[in-house]
């Protein structure tokens, strides 16, 4: 059974590194992704996905 992820046959080393960073809880990119998602889901935040106003 496959674990998922991405293949070195179809992705560049930079893409593999970016994927690893975004899925490693010890990496800043992982935390930034969580923070961004939380901001987009929080109606009290300017980055909320429901805000369609151009500011």
N, C-alpha and C. Protein backbone atom coordinates (compact mmCIF):
# COMPACT_ATOMS: atom_id res chain seq x y z
N UNK A 1 0.85 -1.19 0.00
CA UNK A 1 0.00 0.00 0.00
C UNK A 1 0.88 1.24 0.00
N UNK A 2 0.50 2.22 -0.79
CA UNK A 2 1.26 3.46 -0.92
C UNK A 2 0.95 4.41 0.24
N UNK A 3 1.96 5.14 0.66
CA UNK A 3 1.77 6.11 1.75
C UNK A 3 1.30 7.46 1.24
N UNK A 4 1.33 7.67 -0.06
CA UNK A 4 0.97 8.97 -0.60
C UNK A 4 2.21 9.82 -0.76
N UNK A 5 2.06 11.12 -0.82
CA UNK A 5 3.20 11.99 -1.01
C UNK A 5 3.42 12.28 -2.47
N UNK A 6 4.65 12.62 -2.81
CA UNK A 6 4.97 12.94 -4.19
C UNK A 6 6.18 12.14 -4.63
N UNK A 7 6.31 11.98 -5.94
CA UNK A 7 7.35 11.12 -6.50
C UNK A 7 8.53 11.92 -7.01
N UNK A 8 9.72 11.41 -6.78
CA UNK A 8 10.93 12.01 -7.32
C UNK A 8 11.05 11.83 -8.81
N UNK A 9 10.24 10.95 -9.38
CA UNK A 9 10.24 10.75 -10.83
C UNK A 9 9.46 11.83 -11.55
N UNK A 10 8.53 12.47 -10.86
CA UNK A 10 7.67 13.45 -11.52
C UNK A 10 7.83 14.86 -10.97
N UNK A 11 8.71 15.05 -9.98
CA UNK A 11 8.88 16.36 -9.37
C UNK A 11 10.36 16.70 -9.25
N UNK A 12 10.65 18.00 -9.29
CA UNK A 12 12.03 18.46 -9.14
C UNK A 12 12.45 18.37 -7.68
N UNK A 13 13.75 18.49 -7.43
CA UNK A 13 14.24 18.45 -6.04
C UNK A 13 13.66 19.61 -5.24
N UNK A 14 13.53 20.77 -5.87
CA UNK A 14 12.95 21.93 -5.17
C UNK A 14 11.51 21.64 -4.77
N UNK A 15 10.75 21.00 -5.66
CA UNK A 15 9.36 20.67 -5.33
C UNK A 15 9.30 19.64 -4.19
N UNK A 16 10.21 18.67 -4.22
CA UNK A 16 10.26 17.68 -3.14
C UNK A 16 10.60 18.35 -1.82
N UNK A 17 11.55 19.28 -1.85
CA UNK A 17 11.94 20.00 -0.62
C UNK A 17 10.80 20.84 -0.09
N UNK A 18 10.09 21.54 -0.98
CA UNK A 18 8.96 22.37 -0.55
C UNK A 18 7.87 21.51 0.09
N UNK A 19 7.59 20.38 -0.52
CA UNK A 19 6.57 19.47 0.03
C UNK A 19 6.99 18.98 1.42
N UNK A 20 8.26 18.60 1.55
CA UNK A 20 8.75 18.11 2.84
C UNK A 20 8.66 19.20 3.91
N UNK A 21 9.02 20.42 3.55
CA UNK A 21 8.97 21.53 4.51
C UNK A 21 7.55 21.83 4.95
N UNK A 22 6.60 21.78 4.01
CA UNK A 22 5.22 22.11 4.33
C UNK A 22 4.54 21.02 5.14
N UNK A 23 5.13 19.83 5.19
CA UNK A 23 4.52 18.72 5.92
C UNK A 23 5.35 18.29 7.12
N UNK A 24 6.29 19.13 7.53
CA UNK A 24 7.14 18.85 8.69
C UNK A 24 6.77 19.82 9.82
N UNK A 25 6.20 19.30 10.91
CA UNK A 25 5.75 20.19 11.99
C UNK A 25 6.87 21.01 12.64
N UNK A 26 8.12 20.65 12.40
CA UNK A 26 9.24 21.40 12.96
C UNK A 26 9.71 22.52 12.04
N UNK A 27 9.04 22.71 10.91
CA UNK A 27 9.48 23.69 9.93
C UNK A 27 8.56 24.91 9.94
N UNK A 28 9.14 26.09 9.71
CA UNK A 28 8.36 27.33 9.70
C UNK A 28 7.27 27.32 8.62
N UNK A 29 7.53 26.69 7.48
CA UNK A 29 6.54 26.65 6.40
C UNK A 29 5.29 25.88 6.83
N UNK A 30 5.46 24.86 7.64
CA UNK A 30 4.33 24.08 8.16
C UNK A 30 3.45 24.97 9.04
N UNK A 31 4.08 25.69 9.97
CA UNK A 31 3.33 26.56 10.87
C UNK A 31 2.67 27.71 10.11
N UNK A 32 3.38 28.25 9.12
CA UNK A 32 2.81 29.34 8.32
C UNK A 32 1.56 28.87 7.58
N UNK A 33 1.60 27.65 7.08
CA UNK A 33 0.44 27.10 6.38
C UNK A 33 -0.75 26.96 7.33
N UNK A 34 -0.50 26.48 8.55
CA UNK A 34 -1.59 26.36 9.53
C UNK A 34 -2.15 27.73 9.89
N UNK A 35 -1.28 28.70 10.09
CA UNK A 35 -1.73 30.05 10.45
C UNK A 35 -2.56 30.66 9.33
N UNK A 36 -2.13 30.48 8.10
CA UNK A 36 -2.86 31.02 6.97
C UNK A 36 -4.23 30.38 6.86
N UNK A 37 -4.28 29.07 7.06
CA UNK A 37 -5.57 28.38 7.00
C UNK A 37 -6.50 28.87 8.11
N UNK A 38 -5.96 29.05 9.30
CA UNK A 38 -6.77 29.53 10.42
C UNK A 38 -7.29 30.94 10.14
N UNK A 39 -6.44 31.78 9.55
CA UNK A 39 -6.86 33.14 9.22
C UNK A 39 -8.00 33.13 8.21
N UNK A 40 -7.91 32.25 7.22
CA UNK A 40 -8.93 32.20 6.17
C UNK A 40 -10.25 31.65 6.69
N UNK A 41 -10.21 30.92 7.79
CA UNK A 41 -11.43 30.33 8.36
C UNK A 41 -12.02 31.17 9.49
N UNK A 42 -11.35 32.24 9.88
CA UNK A 42 -11.78 33.07 11.01
C UNK A 42 -12.47 34.32 10.50
N UNK A 43 -13.80 34.43 10.70
CA UNK A 43 -14.53 35.59 10.18
C UNK A 43 -14.10 36.93 10.79
N UNK A 44 -13.36 36.90 11.89
CA UNK A 44 -12.88 38.14 12.50
C UNK A 44 -11.53 38.58 11.94
N UNK A 45 -11.00 37.85 10.98
CA UNK A 45 -9.69 38.15 10.42
C UNK A 45 -9.85 38.76 9.03
N UNK A 46 -8.99 39.72 8.69
CA UNK A 46 -9.05 40.38 7.38
C UNK A 46 -8.81 39.41 6.23
N UNK A 47 -8.12 38.30 6.49
CA UNK A 47 -7.83 37.32 5.45
C UNK A 47 -8.95 36.28 5.30
N UNK A 48 -10.06 36.48 6.00
CA UNK A 48 -11.17 35.53 5.97
C UNK A 48 -11.64 35.30 4.54
N UNK A 49 -11.82 34.04 4.18
CA UNK A 49 -12.18 33.67 2.81
C UNK A 49 -13.53 34.25 2.40
N UNK A 50 -14.38 34.56 3.36
CA UNK A 50 -15.70 35.10 3.05
C UNK A 50 -15.69 36.58 2.75
N UNK A 51 -14.57 37.27 3.04
CA UNK A 51 -14.48 38.70 2.77
C UNK A 51 -14.21 38.92 1.29
N UNK A 52 -15.18 39.46 0.59
CA UNK A 52 -15.01 39.72 -0.84
C UNK A 52 -14.75 41.21 -1.10
N UNK A 53 -14.71 42.00 -0.02
CA UNK A 53 -14.49 43.44 -0.17
C UNK A 53 -13.05 43.72 -0.57
N UNK A 54 -12.86 44.61 -1.54
CA UNK A 54 -11.51 45.06 -1.91
C UNK A 54 -11.16 46.22 -0.99
N UNK A 55 -10.08 46.05 -0.23
CA UNK A 55 -9.68 47.10 0.71
C UNK A 55 -8.44 47.78 0.22
